[in-house]
Amino acid sequence: MAAASDPDAFLPPGRDALTSPLRRALAALPDDVRAVAAAVSGGADSAMLAVHAAAAARERGVALHLLHVHHGLFEQADDWAQRVRKLGDALGAPVHVLRVTVPADGGVGIEAAARQARYAAFAQAAQALALRHILLAHHRDDQAETVLLRLLRGAGPAGLAAMSARTERDGLVYLRPWLDVPRAVVRAAAADYAARHGWSPVDDPSNADDRYTRAAVRKRLVPVLDARWPGWQGILARHARLAEETASILDEVARQDLASLDPSAQDGSFSLARWRQLSAPRQAQVLRCWLAQQGARMPTEARLAELLRQLRQLHSLGHDRQLAWNHGGHCVRVVRGRVFATPR
């Protein structure tokens, strides 16, 4: 394989479609950033992210770390980790294999449990390596599939915004520079890389197993959509951008409404009487905003409707009644006309 000292040695012709978004993402980072990470499963998408990020990071003058999460869910997991190590060696990028345990009975499903374990591992590794930014390989087709899944789950504007190019979680910034790049472009680059360098991506069997939700969408829905509505991925990706704008406006209004409810900086409570003066949709939106600020898990539509009903019907602006509504790790209470959220 080509020497890692040559940043262009691994890049195929027409690379700008993949490298340019990475250059822009890295150029927008603060000047004091000295290192970034890329999440690399070993699949075609994340492997190409590593290849093109290596060149962009060299141009930007920052170090690149590759983070590989070893879930241990498949017998091939050790081989996948070794394959990523080889890729890192070729690119001159250190590889950190993060071993996690995915609970089988976490109550959220295996896909969600694995995702939670990944983010927890990323946060721990980033702290140890003094990293603040992690690159993810999600592309336009991933975005379109996410919009489909959110539609099927009945998500609102915030959910339909799907994945953002920049999100913050656990004190880290996650960057998705390829949300406008079609999967076909990434896979063509992966095929070219394999032909020229002899390194092939791993094949995760869960991607073809329709017991998993996203795989079911790819196997059952995507072929029909491709045949009947060519280019649907770009349409849904555009829808996600518009939904993100709408969600941003709704959040801005909710924050303004919350500021008008006599909020307490000490305990996070607000005035029930002032909240009741809002229209019904704004009452719901401000509750979502307030619960998020309190660190509470976002309730389902049915659970939120129950809280709204109780708050609207409660005659407790004095001392006569109190409300205690348990939700996840929090309890929403009304005491003396003020609404609180306290850890259970």
C-alpha atoms as a PDB file:
ATOM      1  CA  MET A   1       0.000   0.000   0.000  1.00  0.00           C
ATOM      2  CA  ALA A   2       1.085   3.582  -0.600  1.00  0.00           C
ATOM      3  CA  ALA A   3       3.118   5.394   2.017  1.00  0.00           C
ATOM      4  CA  ALA A   4       1.098   7.320   4.581  1.00  0.00           C
ATOM      5  CA  SER A   5       3.337  10.361   4.089  1.00  0.00           C
ATOM      6  CA  ASP A   6       1.656  11.055   0.756  1.00  0.00           C
ATOM      7  CA  PRO A   7      -1.829  12.423   1.607  1.00  0.00           C
ATOM      8  CA  ASP A   8      -3.029  12.202  -1.990  1.00  0.00           C
ATOM      9  CA  ALA A   9      -1.876   8.650  -2.585  1.00  0.00           C
ATOM     10  CA  PHE A  10      -5.134   7.173  -1.358  1.00  0.00           C
ATOM     11  CA  LEU A  11      -7.570   9.515  -3.083  1.00  0.00           C
ATOM     12  CA  PRO A  12      -9.251   8.480  -6.349  1.00  0.00           C
ATOM     13  CA  PRO A  13     -10.001  10.796  -9.264  1.00  0.00           C
ATOM     14  CA  GLY A  14     -13.047  12.990  -8.629  1.00  0.00           C
ATOM     15  CA  ARG A  15     -12.259  13.049  -4.927  1.00  0.00           C
ATOM     16  CA  ASP A  16     -13.439  16.644  -4.446  1.00  0.00           C
ATOM     17  CA  ALA A  17     -17.045  15.561  -3.925  1.00  0.00           C
ATOM     18  CA  LEU A  18     -15.910  13.816  -0.742  1.00  0.00           C
ATOM     19  CA  THR A  19     -12.872  15.823   0.348  1.00  0.00           C
ATOM     20  CA  SER A  20     -14.250  19.341  -0.163  1.00  0.00           C
ATOM     21  CA  PRO A  21     -17.041  19.009   2.451  1.00  0.00           C
ATOM     22  CA  LEU A  22     -14.447  17.727   4.921  1.00  0.00           C
ATOM     23  CA  ARG A  23     -12.135  20.630   4.167  1.00  0.00           C
ATOM     24  CA  ARG A  24     -14.992  23.072   4.836  1.00  0.00           C
ATOM     25  CA  ALA A  25     -15.934  21.318   8.081  1.00  0.00           C
ATOM     26  CA  LEU A  26     -12.368  21.366   9.382  1.00  0.00           C
ATOM     27  CA  ALA A  27     -11.770  24.949   8.239  1.00  0.00           C
ATOM     28  CA  ALA A  28     -14.745  26.054  10.371  1.00  0.00           C
ATOM     29  CA  LEU A  29     -13.231  24.620  13.566  1.00  0.00           C
ATOM     30  CA  PRO A  30     -11.743  26.977  16.175  1.00  0.00           C
ATOM     31  CA  ASP A  31      -8.092  27.854  15.655  1.00  0.00           C
ATOM     32  CA  ASP A  32      -7.022  26.083  18.843  1.00  0.00           C
ATOM     33  CA  VAL A  33      -8.218  22.657  17.648  1.00  0.00           C
ATOM     34  CA  ARG A  34      -5.213  20.389  17.230  1.00  0.00           C
ATOM     35  CA  ALA A  35      -6.885  17.012  16.712  1.00  0.00           C
ATOM     36  CA  VAL A  36     -10.184  15.542  15.535  1.00  0.00           C
ATOM     37  CA  ALA A  37     -11.585  12.018  15.377  1.00  0.00           C
ATOM     38  CA  ALA A  38     -13.497  10.006  12.816  1.00  0.00           C
ATOM     39  CA  ALA A  39     -15.876   7.235  13.839  1.00  0.00           C
ATOM     40  CA  VAL A  40     -14.914   4.204  11.744  1.00  0.00           C
ATOM     41  CA  SER A  41     -16.890   0.972  11.817  1.00  0.00           C
ATOM     42  CA  GLY A  42     -14.867  -0.467   8.953  1.00  0.00           C
ATOM     43  CA  GLY A  43     -17.750  -0.320   6.496  1.00  0.00           C
ATOM     44  CA  ALA A  44     -17.411   1.374   3.119  1.00  0.00           C
ATOM     45  CA  ASP A  45     -18.844   4.727   4.229  1.00  0.00           C
ATOM     46  CA  SER A  46     -16.786   5.227   7.377  1.00  0.00           C
ATOM     47  CA  ALA A  47     -13.647   3.847   5.728  1.00  0.00           C
ATOM     48  CA  MET A  48     -13.911   6.461   2.985  1.00  0.00           C
ATOM     49  CA  LEU A  49     -14.503   9.079   5.664  1.00  0.00           C
ATOM     50  CA  ALA A  50     -11.189   8.049   7.227  1.00  0.00           C
ATOM     51  CA  VAL A  51      -9.373   8.105   3.871  1.00  0.00           C
ATOM     52  CA  HIS A  52     -10.597  11.561   2.853  1.00  0.00           C
ATOM     53  CA  ALA A  53     -10.447  13.018   6.369  1.00  0.00           C
ATOM     54  CA  ALA A  54      -6.787  12.004   6.594  1.00  0.00           C
ATOM     55  CA  ALA A  55      -5.969  14.221   3.613  1.00  0.00           C
ATOM     56  CA  ALA A  56      -8.175  17.100   4.813  1.00  0.00           C
ATOM     57  CA  ALA A  57      -6.699  16.910   8.324  1.00  0.00           C
ATOM     58  CA  ARG A  58      -3.147  17.099   6.972  1.00  0.00           C
ATOM     59  CA  GLU A  59      -4.073  20.202   4.963  1.00  0.00           C
ATOM     60  CA  ARG A  60      -5.666  21.757   8.048  1.00  0.00           C
ATOM     61  CA  GLY A  61      -2.674  20.856  10.215  1.00  0.00           C
ATOM     62  CA  VAL A  62      -4.592  18.764  12.735  1.00  0.00           C
ATOM     63  CA  ALA A  63      -4.111  15.168  13.851  1.00  0.00           C
ATOM     64  CA  LEU A  64      -6.728  12.560  12.981  1.00  0.00           C
ATOM     65  CA  HIS A  65      -7.731   9.748  15.346  1.00  0.00           C
ATOM     66  CA  LEU A  66      -9.874   6.808  14.255  1.00  0.00           C
ATOM     67  CA  LEU A  67     -12.402   5.551  16.818  1.00  0.00           C
ATOM     68  CA  HIS A  68     -13.701   2.023  16.280  1.00  0.00           C
ATOM     69  CA  VAL A  69     -16.437   0.687  18.561  1.00  0.00           C
ATOM     70  CA  HIS A  70     -16.204  -3.068  19.189  1.00  0.00           C
ATOM     71  CA  HIS A  71     -19.776  -4.076  20.119  1.00  0.00           C
ATOM     72  CA  GLY A  72     -19.031  -7.791  20.318  1.00  0.00           C
ATOM     73  CA  LEU A  73     -22.416  -8.560  18.759  1.00  0.00           C
ATOM     74  CA  PHE A  74     -21.028 -10.575  15.829  1.00  0.00           C
ATOM     75  CA  GLU A  75     -18.323 -13.223  15.691  1.00  0.00           C
ATOM     76  CA  GLN A  76     -16.509 -11.173  13.037  1.00  0.00           C
ATOM     77  CA  ALA A  77     -16.044  -8.221  15.430  1.00  0.00           C
ATOM     78  CA  ASP A  78     -12.374  -8.948  16.148  1.00  0.00           C
ATOM     79  CA  ASP A  79     -11.645  -9.134  12.419  1.00  0.00           C
ATOM     80  CA  TRP A  80     -13.404  -5.819  11.848  1.00  0.00           C
ATOM     81  CA  ALA A  81     -11.260  -4.149  14.502  1.00  0.00           C
ATOM     82  CA  GLN A  82      -8.110  -5.566  12.908  1.00  0.00           C
ATOM     83  CA  ARG A  83      -9.230  -4.356   9.486  1.00  0.00           C
ATOM     84  CA  VAL A  84      -9.651  -0.821  10.852  1.00  0.00           C
ATOM     85  CA  ARG A  85      -6.208  -0.996  12.469  1.00  0.00           C
ATOM     86  CA  LYS A  86      -4.702  -1.834   9.083  1.00  0.00           C
ATOM     87  CA  LEU A  87      -6.489   1.099   7.495  1.00  0.00           C
ATOM     88  CA  GLY A  88      -5.233   3.403  10.232  1.00  0.00           C
ATOM     89  CA  ASP A  89      -1.681   2.157   9.731  1.00  0.00           C
ATOM     90  CA  ALA A  90      -1.908   2.886   6.010  1.00  0.00           C
ATOM     91  CA  LEU A  91      -3.246   6.387   6.633  1.00  0.00           C
ATOM     92  CA  GLY A  92      -0.854   7.188   9.457  1.00  0.00           C
ATOM     93  CA  ALA A  93      -3.746   7.692  11.865  1.00  0.00           C
ATOM     94  CA  PRO A  94      -3.870   6.106  15.338  1.00  0.00           C
ATOM     95  CA  VAL A  95      -6.757   3.700  15.861  1.00  0.00           C
ATOM     96  CA  HIS A  96      -8.528   3.384  19.205  1.00  0.00           C
ATOM     97  CA  VAL A  97     -10.677   0.263  19.608  1.00  0.00           C
ATOM     98  CA  LEU A  98     -13.452   0.986  22.093  1.00  0.00           C
ATOM     99  CA  ARG A  99     -14.977  -2.185  23.539  1.00  0.00           C
ATOM    100  CA  VAL A 100     -18.536  -1.855  24.785  1.00  0.00           C
ATOM    101  CA  THR A 101     -21.196  -4.146  26.195  1.00  0.00           C
ATOM    102  CA  VAL A 102     -24.657  -3.786  24.681  1.00  0.00           C
ATOM    103  CA  PRO A 103     -27.387  -4.815  27.141  1.00  0.00           C
ATOM    104  CA  ALA A 104     -29.771  -7.373  25.675  1.00  0.00           C
ATOM    105  CA  ASP A 105     -32.652  -6.304  27.900  1.00  0.00           C
ATOM    106  CA  GLY A 106     -32.237  -2.536  27.999  1.00  0.00           C
ATOM    107  CA  GLY A 107     -35.860  -1.996  27.040  1.00  0.00           C
ATOM    108  CA  VAL A 108     -35.046   0.209  24.039  1.00  0.00           C
ATOM    109  CA  GLY A 109     -34.206  -2.381  21.370  1.00  0.00           C
ATOM    110  CA  ILE A 110     -30.821  -3.641  20.273  1.00  0.00           C
ATOM    111  CA  GLU A 111     -30.244  -0.867  17.703  1.00  0.00           C
ATOM    112  CA  ALA A 112     -30.936   1.931  20.171  1.00  0.00           C
ATOM    113  CA  ALA A 113     -28.929   0.193  22.899  1.00  0.00           C
ATOM    114  CA  ALA A 114     -25.932  -0.174  20.570  1.00  0.00           C
ATOM    115  CA  ARG A 115     -26.226   3.486  19.580  1.00  0.00           C
ATOM    116  CA  GLN A 116     -26.285   4.585  23.224  1.00  0.00           C
ATOM    117  CA  ALA A 117     -23.247   2.432  23.954  1.00  0.00           C
ATOM    118  CA  ARG A 118     -21.373   3.974  21.004  1.00  0.00           C
ATOM    119  CA  TYR A 119     -21.994   7.538  22.097  1.00  0.00           C
ATOM    120  CA  ALA A 120     -20.966   6.721  25.666  1.00  0.00           C
ATOM    121  CA  ALA A 121     -17.745   5.149  24.372  1.00  0.00           C
ATOM    122  CA  PHE A 122     -17.056   8.156  22.139  1.00  0.00           C
ATOM    123  CA  ALA A 123     -17.504  10.538  25.074  1.00  0.00           C
ATOM    124  CA  GLN A 124     -15.117   8.535  27.247  1.00  0.00           C
ATOM    125  CA  ALA A 125     -12.485   8.249  24.507  1.00  0.00           C
ATOM    126  CA  ALA A 126     -12.737  11.928  23.616  1.00  0.00           C
ATOM    127  CA  GLN A 127     -12.120  12.910  27.210  1.00  0.00           C
ATOM    128  CA  ALA A 128      -9.066  10.659  27.414  1.00  0.00           C
ATOM    129  CA  LEU A 129      -7.678  11.975  24.109  1.00  0.00           C
ATOM    130  CA  ALA A 130      -8.611  15.643  24.709  1.00  0.00           C
ATOM    131  CA  LEU A 131     -10.845  15.665  21.621  1.00  0.00           C
ATOM    132  CA  ARG A 132     -13.856  17.925  21.094  1.00  0.00           C
ATOM    133  CA  HIS A 133     -14.928  17.041  17.529  1.00  0.00           C
ATOM    134  CA  ILE A 134     -15.900  13.721  15.940  1.00  0.00           C
ATOM    135  CA  LEU A 135     -16.627  13.208  12.240  1.00  0.00           C
ATOM    136  CA  LEU A 136     -19.439  10.881  11.194  1.00  0.00           C
ATOM    137  CA  ALA A 137     -19.924   9.328   7.739  1.00  0.00           C
ATOM    138  CA  HIS A 138     -23.689   9.766   7.353  1.00  0.00           C
ATOM    139  CA  HIS A 139     -24.576  10.709   3.770  1.00  0.00           C
ATOM    140  CA  ARG A 140     -27.656  11.830   1.839  1.00  0.00           C
ATOM    141  CA  ASP A 141     -29.162   8.333   1.603  1.00  0.00           C
ATOM    142  CA  ASP A 142     -28.772   7.849   5.350  1.00  0.00           C
ATOM    143  CA  GLN A 143     -30.523  11.175   5.873  1.00  0.00           C
ATOM    144  CA  ALA A 144     -33.423  10.198   3.590  1.00  0.00           C
ATOM    145  CA  GLU A 145     -33.826   6.847   5.361  1.00  0.00           C
ATOM    146  CA  THR A 146     -33.846   8.620   8.712  1.00  0.00           C
ATOM    147  CA  VAL A 147     -36.620  10.947   7.546  1.00  0.00           C
ATOM    148  CA  LEU A 148     -38.629   7.890   6.433  1.00  0.00           C
ATOM    149  CA  LEU A 149     -38.168   6.228   9.805  1.00  0.00           C
ATOM    150  CA  ARG A 150     -39.166   9.389  11.667  1.00  0.00           C
ATOM    151  CA  LEU A 151     -42.281   9.739   9.498  1.00  0.00           C
ATOM    152  CA  LEU A 152     -43.272   6.163  10.268  1.00  0.00           C
ATOM    153  CA  ARG A 153     -42.806   6.840  13.978  1.00  0.00           C
ATOM    154  CA  GLY A 154     -44.960   9.967  13.865  1.00  0.00           C
ATOM    155  CA  ALA A 155     -42.205  12.461  14.625  1.00  0.00           C
ATOM    156  CA  GLY A 156     -42.878  16.194  14.702  1.00  0.00           C
ATOM    157  CA  PRO A 157     -40.824  18.951  13.016  1.00  0.00           C
ATOM    158  CA  ALA A 158     -37.822  18.416  15.282  1.00  0.00           C
ATOM    159  CA  GLY A 159     -37.792  14.696  14.508  1.00  0.00           C
ATOM    160  CA  LEU A 160     -38.288  15.189  10.785  1.00  0.00           C
ATOM    161  CA  ALA A 161     -35.234  17.451  10.740  1.00  0.00           C
ATOM    162  CA  ALA A 162     -33.456  14.087  11.079  1.00  0.00           C
ATOM    163  CA  MET A 163     -29.674  14.435  11.309  1.00  0.00           C
ATOM    164  CA  SER A 164     -27.977  17.805  11.559  1.00  0.00           C
ATOM    165  CA  ALA A 165     -24.621  18.652  10.022  1.00  0.00           C
ATOM    166  CA  ARG A 166     -23.515  19.742  13.491  1.00  0.00           C
ATOM    167  CA  THR A 167     -24.848  18.420  16.787  1.00  0.00           C
ATOM    168  CA  GLU A 168     -23.636  18.580  20.368  1.00  0.00           C
ATOM    169  CA  ARG A 169     -23.866  15.703  22.809  1.00  0.00           C
ATOM    170  CA  ASP A 170     -22.059  14.981  26.084  1.00  0.00           C
ATOM    171  CA  GLY A 171     -19.869  18.027  25.540  1.00  0.00           C
ATOM    172  CA  LEU A 172     -18.756  16.835  22.092  1.00  0.00           C
ATOM    173  CA  VAL A 173     -19.445  18.272  18.650  1.00  0.00           C
ATOM    174  CA  TYR A 174     -20.426  15.694  16.033  1.00  0.00           C
ATOM    175  CA  LEU A 175     -19.918  16.736  12.419  1.00  0.00           C
ATOM    176  CA  ARG A 176     -21.662  15.172   9.403  1.00  0.00           C
ATOM    177  CA  PRO A 177     -20.094  16.860   6.360  1.00  0.00           C
ATOM    178  CA  TRP A 178     -21.547  14.380   3.820  1.00  0.00           C
ATOM    179  CA  LEU A 179     -25.287  14.886   4.291  1.00  0.00           C
ATOM    180  CA  ASP A 180     -25.528  16.243   0.724  1.00  0.00           C
ATOM    181  CA  VAL A 181     -23.359  13.476  -0.779  1.00  0.00           C
ATOM    182  CA  PRO A 182     -25.156  10.489  -2.396  1.00  0.00           C
ATOM    183  CA  ARG A 183     -24.290   6.987  -1.239  1.00  0.00           C
ATOM    184  CA  ALA A 184     -23.324   6.060  -4.809  1.00  0.00           C
ATOM    185  CA  VAL A 185     -20.433   8.554  -4.747  1.00  0.00           C
ATOM    186  CA  VAL A 186     -19.098   7.114  -1.483  1.00  0.00           C
ATOM    187  CA  ARG A 187     -19.424   3.516  -2.663  1.00  0.00           C
ATOM    188  CA  ALA A 188     -17.704   4.288  -5.971  1.00  0.00           C
ATOM    189  CA  ALA A 189     -14.770   5.746  -4.036  1.00  0.00           C
ATOM    190  CA  ALA A 190     -14.677   2.646  -1.818  1.00  0.00           C
ATOM    191  CA  ALA A 191     -14.596   0.343  -4.859  1.00  0.00           C
ATOM    192  CA  ASP A 192     -11.793   2.376  -6.420  1.00  0.00           C
ATOM    193  CA  TYR A 193      -9.818   2.331  -3.168  1.00  0.00           C
ATOM    194  CA  ALA A 194     -10.207  -1.438  -2.838  1.00  0.00           C
ATOM    195  CA  ALA A 195      -9.062  -1.980  -6.436  1.00  0.00           C
ATOM    196  CA  ARG A 196      -5.989   0.224  -6.056  1.00  0.00           C
ATOM    197  CA  HIS A 197      -4.877  -0.634  -2.516  1.00  0.00           C
ATOM    198  CA  GLY A 198      -6.230  -4.090  -1.756  1.00  0.00           C
ATOM    199  CA  TRP A 199      -8.083  -3.019   1.396  1.00  0.00           C
ATOM    200  CA  SER A 200     -11.781  -3.897   1.353  1.00  0.00           C
ATOM    201  CA  PRO A 201     -14.419  -2.714   3.821  1.00  0.00           C
ATOM    202  CA  VAL A 202     -16.139  -4.998   6.301  1.00  0.00           C
ATOM    203  CA  ASP A 203     -19.591  -6.391   5.608  1.00  0.00           C
ATOM    204  CA  ASP A 204     -21.894  -5.974   8.605  1.00  0.00           C
ATOM    205  CA  PRO A 205     -24.630  -8.645   8.338  1.00  0.00           C
ATOM    206  CA  SER A 206     -27.086  -6.446  10.241  1.00  0.00           C
ATOM    207  CA  ASN A 207     -27.234  -4.141   7.200  1.00  0.00           C
ATOM    208  CA  ALA A 208     -29.025  -6.905   5.274  1.00  0.00           C
ATOM    209  CA  ASP A 209     -31.057  -8.363   8.141  1.00  0.00           C
ATOM    210  CA  ASP A 210     -34.563  -6.928   8.007  1.00  0.00           C
ATOM    211  CA  ARG A 211     -35.144  -7.789  11.645  1.00  0.00           C
ATOM    212  CA  TYR A 212     -33.357  -4.481  12.157  1.00  0.00           C
ATOM    213  CA  THR A 213     -35.495  -1.448  11.399  1.00  0.00           C
ATOM    214  CA  ARG A 214     -33.137   0.457   9.126  1.00  0.00           C
ATOM    215  CA  ALA A 215     -32.242  -2.693   7.199  1.00  0.00           C
ATOM    216  CA  ALA A 216     -35.948  -3.363   6.699  1.00  0.00           C
ATOM    217  CA  VAL A 217     -36.356   0.102   5.183  1.00  0.00           C
ATOM    218  CA  ARG A 218     -33.441  -0.513   2.814  1.00  0.00           C
ATOM    219  CA  LYS A 219     -34.608  -3.959   1.730  1.00  0.00           C
ATOM    220  CA  ARG A 220     -38.357  -3.411   1.524  1.00  0.00           C
ATOM    221  CA  LEU A 221     -39.063   0.284   0.911  1.00  0.00           C
ATOM    222  CA  VAL A 222     -36.009   1.695  -0.834  1.00  0.00           C
ATOM    223  CA  PRO A 223     -36.228  -0.533  -3.966  1.00  0.00           C
ATOM    224  CA  VAL A 224     -39.865   0.486  -4.472  1.00  0.00           C
ATOM    225  CA  LEU A 225     -39.065   4.167  -4.013  1.00  0.00           C
ATOM    226  CA  ASP A 226     -36.064   3.936  -6.337  1.00  0.00           C
ATOM    227  CA  ALA A 227     -38.231   2.414  -9.062  1.00  0.00           C
ATOM    228  CA  ARG A 228     -41.214   4.736  -8.694  1.00  0.00           C
ATOM    229  CA  TRP A 229     -39.635   8.017  -7.545  1.00  0.00           C
ATOM    230  CA  PRO A 230     -35.995   8.287  -8.706  1.00  0.00           C
ATOM    231  CA  GLY A 231     -34.151  10.948  -6.740  1.00  0.00           C
ATOM    232  CA  TRP A 232     -36.420  10.652  -3.711  1.00  0.00           C
ATOM    233  CA  GLN A 233     -33.396  10.779  -1.391  1.00  0.00           C
ATOM    234  CA  GLY A 234     -32.612  14.344  -2.430  1.00  0.00           C
ATOM    235  CA  ILE A 235     -36.236  15.352  -1.933  1.00  0.00           C
ATOM    236  CA  LEU A 236     -36.370  13.939   1.600  1.00  0.00           C
ATOM    237  CA  ALA A 237     -32.983  15.446   2.438  1.00  0.00           C
ATOM    238  CA  ARG A 238     -34.365  18.838   1.366  1.00  0.00           C
ATOM    239  CA  HIS A 239     -37.424  18.175   3.518  1.00  0.00           C
ATOM    240  CA  ALA A 240     -35.101  17.540   6.478  1.00  0.00           C
ATOM    241  CA  ARG A 241     -33.406  20.911   5.944  1.00  0.00           C
ATOM    242  CA  LEU A 242     -36.772  22.694   5.845  1.00  0.00           C
ATOM    243  CA  ALA A 243     -37.968  20.816   8.928  1.00  0.00           C
ATOM    244  CA  GLU A 244     -34.786  21.861  10.740  1.00  0.00           C
ATOM    245  CA  GLU A 245     -35.563  25.508   9.964  1.00  0.00           C
ATOM    246  CA  THR A 246     -39.128  25.067  11.224  1.00  0.00           C
ATOM    247  CA  ALA A 247     -37.964  23.318  14.386  1.00  0.00           C
ATOM    248  CA  SER A 248     -35.465  26.119  15.010  1.00  0.00           C
ATOM    249  CA  ILE A 249     -38.227  28.732  14.788  1.00  0.00           C
ATOM    250  CA  LEU A 250     -40.493  26.727  17.109  1.00  0.00           C
ATOM    251  CA  ASP A 251     -37.672  26.375  19.620  1.00  0.00           C
ATOM    252  CA  GLU A 252     -37.004  30.115  19.487  1.00  0.00           C
ATOM    253  CA  VAL A 253     -40.684  30.871  20.171  1.00  0.00           C
ATOM    254  CA  ALA A 254     -40.779  28.320  22.998  1.00  0.00           C
ATOM    255  CA  ARG A 255     -37.739  29.877  24.649  1.00  0.00           C
ATOM    256  CA  GLN A 256     -39.356  33.312  24.437  1.00  0.00           C
ATOM    257  CA  ASP A 257     -42.577  31.942  25.910  1.00  0.00           C
ATOM    258  CA  LEU A 258     -40.684  30.233  28.709  1.00  0.00           C
ATOM    259  CA  ALA A 259     -38.907  33.489  29.517  1.00  0.00           C
ATOM    260  CA  SER A 260     -42.335  35.117  29.966  1.00  0.00           C
ATOM    261  CA  LEU A 261     -43.467  32.564  32.588  1.00  0.00           C
ATOM    262  CA  ASP A 262     -41.537  34.064  35.491  1.00  0.00           C
ATOM    263  CA  PRO A 263     -38.862  31.341  35.345  1.00  0.00           C
ATOM    264  CA  SER A 264     -36.670  30.728  38.375  1.00  0.00           C
ATOM    265  CA  ALA A 265     -32.930  30.516  37.832  1.00  0.00           C
ATOM    266  CA  GLN A 266     -32.579  28.709  41.171  1.00  0.00           C
ATOM    267  CA  ASP A 267     -34.951  25.761  40.746  1.00  0.00           C
ATOM    268  CA  GLY A 268     -36.045  25.960  37.088  1.00  0.00           C
ATOM    269  CA  SER A 269     -39.722  26.338  37.998  1.00  0.00           C
ATOM    270  CA  PHE A 270     -42.235  28.526  36.167  1.00  0.00           C
ATOM    271  CA  SER A 271     -45.642  30.086  36.821  1.00  0.00           C
ATOM    272  CA  LEU A 272     -48.602  27.791  36.099  1.00  0.00           C
ATOM    273  CA  ALA A 273     -50.996  30.745  35.821  1.00  0.00           C
ATOM    274  CA  ARG A 274     -48.902  32.436  33.135  1.00  0.00           C
ATOM    275  CA  TRP A 275     -48.443  29.145  31.277  1.00  0.00           C
ATOM    276  CA  ARG A 276     -52.220  28.731  31.122  1.00  0.00           C
ATOM    277  CA  GLN A 277     -52.500  32.048  29.289  1.00  0.00           C
ATOM    278  CA  LEU A 278     -50.658  30.593  26.277  1.00  0.00           C
ATOM    279  CA  SER A 279     -52.474  28.948  23.382  1.00  0.00           C
ATOM    280  CA  ALA A 280     -52.708  25.144  23.505  1.00  0.00           C
ATOM    281  CA  PRO A 281     -49.982  24.517  20.876  1.00  0.00           C
ATOM    282  CA  ARG A 282     -47.618  26.932  22.602  1.00  0.00           C
ATOM    283  CA  GLN A 283     -48.302  25.312  25.966  1.00  0.00           C
ATOM    284  CA  ALA A 284     -47.166  21.987  24.538  1.00  0.00           C
ATOM    285  CA  GLN A 285     -44.127  23.458  22.828  1.00  0.00           C
ATOM    286  CA  VAL A 286     -42.934  25.331  25.898  1.00  0.00           C
ATOM    287  CA  LEU A 287     -43.279  22.160  27.988  1.00  0.00           C
ATOM    288  CA  ARG A 288     -41.042  20.281  25.548  1.00  0.00           C
ATOM    289  CA  CYS A 289     -38.486  23.084  25.699  1.00  0.00           C
ATOM    290  CA  TRP A 290     -38.620  23.245  29.507  1.00  0.00           C
ATOM    291  CA  LEU A 291     -38.324  19.468  29.962  1.00  0.00           C
ATOM    292  CA  ALA A 292     -35.267  19.441  27.679  1.00  0.00           C
ATOM    293  CA  GLN A 293     -33.663  22.208  29.738  1.00  0.00           C
ATOM    294  CA  GLN A 294     -34.273  20.194  32.902  1.00  0.00           C
ATOM    295  CA  GLY A 295     -32.496  17.199  31.381  1.00  0.00           C
ATOM    296  CA  ALA A 296     -35.656  15.097  31.307  1.00  0.00           C
ATOM    297  CA  ARG A 297     -36.325  12.465  28.666  1.00  0.00           C
ATOM    298  CA  MET A 298     -38.686  13.730  25.974  1.00  0.00           C
ATOM    299  CA  PRO A 299     -42.163  12.219  26.547  1.00  0.00           C
ATOM    300  CA  THR A 300     -44.216  10.494  23.896  1.00  0.00           C
ATOM    301  CA  GLU A 301     -47.188  12.354  22.459  1.00  0.00           C
ATOM    302  CA  ALA A 302     -49.555  10.386  24.714  1.00  0.00           C
ATOM    303  CA  ARG A 303     -47.508  11.090  27.844  1.00  0.00           C
ATOM    304  CA  LEU A 304     -47.222  14.773  27.017  1.00  0.00           C
ATOM    305  CA  ALA A 305     -50.987  14.947  26.427  1.00  0.00           C
ATOM    306  CA  GLU A 306     -51.520  13.503  29.922  1.00  0.00           C
ATOM    307  CA  LEU A 307     -49.257  16.124  31.498  1.00  0.00           C
ATOM    308  CA  LEU A 308     -50.990  18.888  29.555  1.00  0.00           C
ATOM    309  CA  ARG A 309     -54.413  17.644  30.701  1.00  0.00           C
ATOM    310  CA  GLN A 310     -53.365  17.573  34.344  1.00  0.00           C
ATOM    311  CA  LEU A 311     -51.776  21.020  34.243  1.00  0.00           C
ATOM    312  CA  ARG A 312     -54.816  22.521  32.533  1.00  0.00           C
ATOM    313  CA  GLN A 313     -57.296  20.973  34.967  1.00  0.00           C
ATOM    314  CA  LEU A 314     -55.369  21.465  38.175  1.00  0.00           C
ATOM    315  CA  HIS A 315     -56.950  24.058  40.468  1.00  0.00           C
ATOM    316  CA  SER A 316     -53.915  24.596  42.651  1.00  0.00           C
ATOM    317  CA  LEU A 317     -52.896  28.198  42.432  1.00  0.00           C
ATOM    318  CA  GLY A 318     -53.095  28.200  46.209  1.00  0.00           C
ATOM    319  CA  HIS A 319     -52.332  25.472  48.725  1.00  0.00           C
ATOM    320  CA  ASP A 320     -55.342  23.215  48.163  1.00  0.00           C
ATOM    321  CA  ARG A 321     -53.860  20.678  45.699  1.00  0.00           C
ATOM    322  CA  GLN A 322     -50.524  19.493  44.401  1.00  0.00           C
ATOM    323  CA  LEU A 323     -49.524  17.511  41.299  1.00  0.00           C
ATOM    324  CA  ALA A 324     -46.840  14.844  41.048  1.00  0.00           C
ATOM    325  CA  TRP A 325     -46.307  13.409  37.539  1.00  0.00           C
ATOM    326  CA  ASN A 326     -43.538  10.804  37.314  1.00  0.00           C
ATOM    327  CA  HIS A 327     -41.651  10.558  34.039  1.00  0.00           C
ATOM    328  CA  GLY A 328     -38.445   8.590  33.663  1.00  0.00           C
ATOM    329  CA  GLY A 329     -35.923   9.884  36.147  1.00  0.00           C
ATOM    330  CA  HIS A 330     -37.873  13.071  36.860  1.00  0.00           C
ATOM    331  CA  CYS A 331     -41.009  14.090  38.694  1.00  0.00           C
ATOM    332  CA  VAL A 332     -43.010  17.115  37.522  1.00  0.00           C
ATOM    333  CA  ARG A 333     -44.686  18.779  40.484  1.00  0.00           C
ATOM    334  CA  VAL A 334     -46.913  21.775  41.007  1.00  0.00           C
ATOM    335  CA  VAL A 335     -46.520  23.478  44.359  1.00  0.00           C
ATOM    336  CA  ARG A 336     -48.146  26.795  45.220  1.00  0.00           C
ATOM    337  CA  GLY A 337     -48.830  27.613  41.608  1.00  0.00           C
ATOM    338  CA  ARG A 338     -45.353  26.846  40.287  1.00  0.00           C
ATOM    339  CA  VAL A 339     -44.254  23.932  38.095  1.00  0.00           C
ATOM    340  CA  PHE A 340     -41.060  22.078  39.057  1.00  0.00           C
ATOM    341  CA  ALA A 341     -39.102  19.143  37.578  1.00  0.00           C
ATOM    342  CA  THR A 342     -37.023  17.308  40.165  1.00  0.00           C
ATOM    343  CA  PRO A 343     -34.950  14.103  39.941  1.00  0.00           C
ATOM    344  CA  ARG A 344     -36.748  11.066  41.328  1.00  0.00           C
END
